[in-house]
Structure formats: structure tokens, C-alpha cells
Amino acid sequence: MADVHSKAARSKNMAAIKARNTRPEMLVRRALHQAGFRYRLHVAGLPGKPDLVFPRYKAVIFVQGCFWHQHQCAIFHWPKTRTEWWRQKISANRAHDEAVQDKLRELGWRVMLVWECVLKGKNKMPADQLIADISHWLRNGSSFAELPAT
């Protein structure tokens, strides 16, 4: 099926999608800062430029959009148009994410994924619980964690 937008309209829509300072990322950043955690943002020297970098804890956090990174939750659904293109795009995103996470762990960094669905919608986690879970992981967590746990 053909795209429902013109090439110019589609280009404008895609250009408006932000990679940094998204609403979910800002929610996590503000809450962690308020809880006393200090971090660096989008460190270019690390694979994947993690959203939040905690050098003191040798830990990074990625705040992932459920659609763009194919999280198996209520928010994610396959688009009904250009399905093959979207499957290739999102599958490539997943492969890239996994490669980045593996490289970070090889370099000795601990990785946490905070999924968009934990921050909004009907299954939203209470903010105090979210920060408690992240805090616990930062202080004494494993090499990899996800919120929500899958």
C-alpha cells in the first residue's frame, strides 16, 4: 500500500521526531536529579550515546520508545501501511540496540533500558517506585536491567 502522505509531508513528519530530550527521557532525568543522582547526557565517546551516563556507578540508561525499539507491550503495534519497510527499519533498530548494549558491557558498563510504557499509559509505574527501582539498580544491580522487566 502506498504512503498516505506526500514525500514532503512525510519528510516533515519524520524530521519532527526527536532523538534527544524526549518527554519520557525528561521525566526520568528530572526524577533522578531530584533524587540526588548526577549524570552526563549523551556521551559521544560511548557506543550508542546513552541517554544518561553515571560514571560513578559505571552505568548507563537508555530511555527507549516502545514503537521505535519494538517493545512487546500494549504501545507497540506494526503499522498497517508500508509494512515491509517498517519491519526492516524496526528490526534494524533492534539489531543496532543489541550491538550497542553488548559493546557497552564489553567495555565494563552496566546497561539499563527504561521503556516508554513504564512512564505512561494504563500500566504506568508510580514515579516513586520507578526511581526506587533505578536507584537500587544503580547502587548494586546487575550488568543489565529493563523497566518494566520482561
Protein backbone atom coordinates (compact mmCIF):
# COMPACT_ATOMS: atom_id res chain seq x y z
CA MET A 1 0.00 0.00 0.00
CA ALA A 2 1.28 3.48 -0.85
CA ASP A 3 2.10 6.06 1.79
CA VAL A 4 -0.87 8.26 2.74
CA HIS A 5 1.36 11.37 2.87
CA SER A 6 3.25 13.15 0.14
CA LYS A 7 7.01 12.83 0.17
CA ALA A 8 7.37 16.38 1.55
CA ALA A 9 4.77 15.83 4.29
CA ARG A 10 6.36 12.52 5.30
CA SER A 11 9.79 14.17 5.42
CA LYS A 12 8.42 16.95 7.65
CA ASN A 13 6.78 14.41 10.00
CA MET A 14 9.90 12.27 10.31
CA ALA A 15 12.15 15.32 10.86
CA ALA A 16 9.96 16.35 13.82
CA ILE A 17 10.66 13.10 15.70
CA LYS A 18 13.20 13.86 18.40
CA ALA A 19 16.06 11.58 19.41
CA ARG A 20 17.11 13.57 22.48
CA ASN A 21 15.26 15.33 25.26
CA THR A 22 12.06 13.42 24.62
CA ARG A 23 9.24 13.66 27.15
CA PRO A 24 9.93 10.18 28.62
CA GLU A 25 13.65 10.94 28.88
CA MET A 26 12.99 14.26 30.60
CA LEU A 27 10.69 12.59 33.15
CA VAL A 28 13.42 10.13 34.12
CA ARG A 29 16.13 12.79 34.16
CA ARG A 30 14.19 15.17 36.39
CA ALA A 31 13.19 12.46 38.85
CA LEU A 32 16.73 11.08 39.14
CA HIS A 33 18.22 14.54 39.57
CA GLN A 34 15.68 15.32 42.27
CA ALA A 35 16.66 12.05 43.99
CA GLY A 36 20.27 13.27 44.13
CA PHE A 37 21.80 11.40 41.19
CA ARG A 38 24.18 13.26 38.92
CA TYR A 39 24.83 12.11 35.39
CA ARG A 40 26.13 13.12 32.00
CA LEU A 41 23.97 13.26 28.89
CA HIS A 42 24.53 11.61 25.52
CA VAL A 43 28.26 11.00 25.92
CA ALA A 44 29.65 10.86 22.40
CA GLY A 45 32.62 8.70 23.40
CA LEU A 46 30.39 5.76 24.36
CA PRO A 47 28.72 3.40 21.88
CA GLY A 48 25.14 4.47 21.14
CA LYS A 49 25.48 7.79 23.02
CA PRO A 50 23.44 6.64 26.04
CA ASP A 51 20.71 8.98 27.28
CA LEU A 52 22.08 9.04 30.84
CA VAL A 53 25.62 8.14 31.88
CA PHE A 54 26.56 7.60 35.53
CA PRO A 55 30.37 7.41 35.59
CA ARG A 56 30.41 6.95 39.38
CA TYR A 57 28.40 3.73 39.02
CA LYS A 58 29.85 2.72 35.64
CA ALA A 59 26.23 2.56 34.43
CA VAL A 60 24.18 3.89 31.52
CA ILE A 61 20.45 4.23 30.96
CA PHE A 62 18.63 4.26 27.65
CA VAL A 63 15.05 5.58 27.67
CA GLN A 64 13.51 3.63 24.79
CA GLY A 65 10.39 4.38 22.78
CA CYS A 66 8.26 1.23 22.59
CA PHE A 67 7.43 1.72 18.91
CA TRP A 68 10.90 2.55 17.60
CA HIS A 69 12.59 -0.23 19.53
CA GLN A 70 9.88 -2.92 19.23
CA HIS A 71 9.00 -3.47 22.85
CA GLN A 72 6.40 -6.23 23.23
CA CYS A 73 3.80 -4.19 25.12
CA ALA A 74 0.42 -2.55 24.51
CA ILE A 75 2.01 0.55 22.99
CA PHE A 76 3.81 -1.29 20.18
CA HIS A 77 1.93 -2.28 17.04
CA TRP A 78 3.06 -2.81 13.47
CA PRO A 79 1.96 -0.04 11.08
CA LYS A 80 -0.70 -1.05 8.58
CA THR A 81 0.96 0.70 5.63
CA ARG A 82 4.42 0.06 4.18
CA THR A 83 4.69 -2.96 6.45
CA GLU A 84 7.80 -4.44 4.86
CA TRP A 85 9.70 -1.15 5.10
CA TRP A 86 8.70 -0.74 8.76
CA ARG A 87 9.67 -4.33 9.61
CA GLN A 88 13.12 -3.76 8.13
CA LYS A 89 13.51 -0.38 9.86
CA ILE A 90 12.44 -1.55 13.31
CA SER A 91 14.36 -4.83 13.03
CA ALA A 92 17.50 -2.85 12.16
CA ASN A 93 16.87 -0.64 15.21
CA ARG A 94 16.66 -3.74 17.43
CA ALA A 95 19.85 -5.23 15.98
CA HIS A 96 21.68 -1.92 16.49
CA ASP A 97 20.41 -1.66 20.09
CA GLU A 98 21.66 -5.15 20.93
CA ALA A 99 25.07 -4.49 19.36
CA VAL A 100 25.44 -1.23 21.31
CA GLN A 101 24.44 -2.90 24.59
CA ASP A 102 26.90 -5.75 24.01
CA LYS A 103 29.71 -3.30 23.25
CA LEU A 104 28.98 -1.25 26.38
CA ARG A 105 29.03 -4.38 28.55
CA GLU A 106 32.33 -5.46 26.94
CA LEU A 107 33.72 -2.06 27.98
CA GLY A 108 32.61 -2.72 31.56
CA TRP A 109 29.47 -0.59 31.63
CA ARG A 110 26.18 -1.74 33.16
CA VAL A 111 23.11 -1.10 30.97
CA MET A 112 19.50 -0.36 31.87
CA LEU A 113 16.60 0.10 29.47
CA VAL A 114 13.67 2.18 30.66
CA TRP A 115 10.76 1.58 28.30
CA GLU A 116 8.25 4.28 27.41
CA CYS A 117 5.33 2.13 28.61
CA VAL A 118 6.62 2.26 32.19
CA LEU A 119 6.22 6.05 32.09
CA LYS A 120 2.77 6.43 30.54
CA GLY A 121 -0.45 4.62 29.79
CA LYS A 122 -2.58 2.28 31.84
CA ASN A 123 0.39 0.18 33.04
CA LYS A 124 2.40 3.21 34.14
CA MET A 125 4.68 2.61 37.13
CA PRO A 126 4.33 5.06 40.04
CA ALA A 127 7.16 7.60 39.94
CA ASP A 128 8.43 6.73 43.43
CA GLN A 129 8.61 3.03 42.51
CA LEU A 130 10.39 3.84 39.23
CA ILE A 131 13.04 5.90 41.00
CA ALA A 132 13.42 3.30 43.76
CA ASP A 133 13.99 0.56 41.16
CA ILE A 134 16.51 2.64 39.20
CA SER A 135 18.28 3.74 42.40
CA HIS A 136 18.58 0.16 43.63
CA TRP A 137 19.95 -0.96 40.27
CA LEU A 138 22.46 1.89 40.12
CA ARG A 139 23.82 1.14 43.57
CA ASN A 140 24.02 -2.65 43.36
CA GLY A 141 22.41 -4.00 40.22
CA SER A 142 23.43 -6.48 37.57
CA SER A 143 25.10 -5.82 34.24
CA PHE A 144 21.72 -5.50 32.50
CA ALA A 145 18.22 -4.49 33.58
CA GLU A 146 14.92 -3.46 32.00
CA LEU A 147 11.96 -1.49 33.30
CA PRO A 148 9.42 -2.93 33.02
CA ALA A 149 11.03 -6.32 33.43
CA THR A 150 10.09 -8.60 30.55
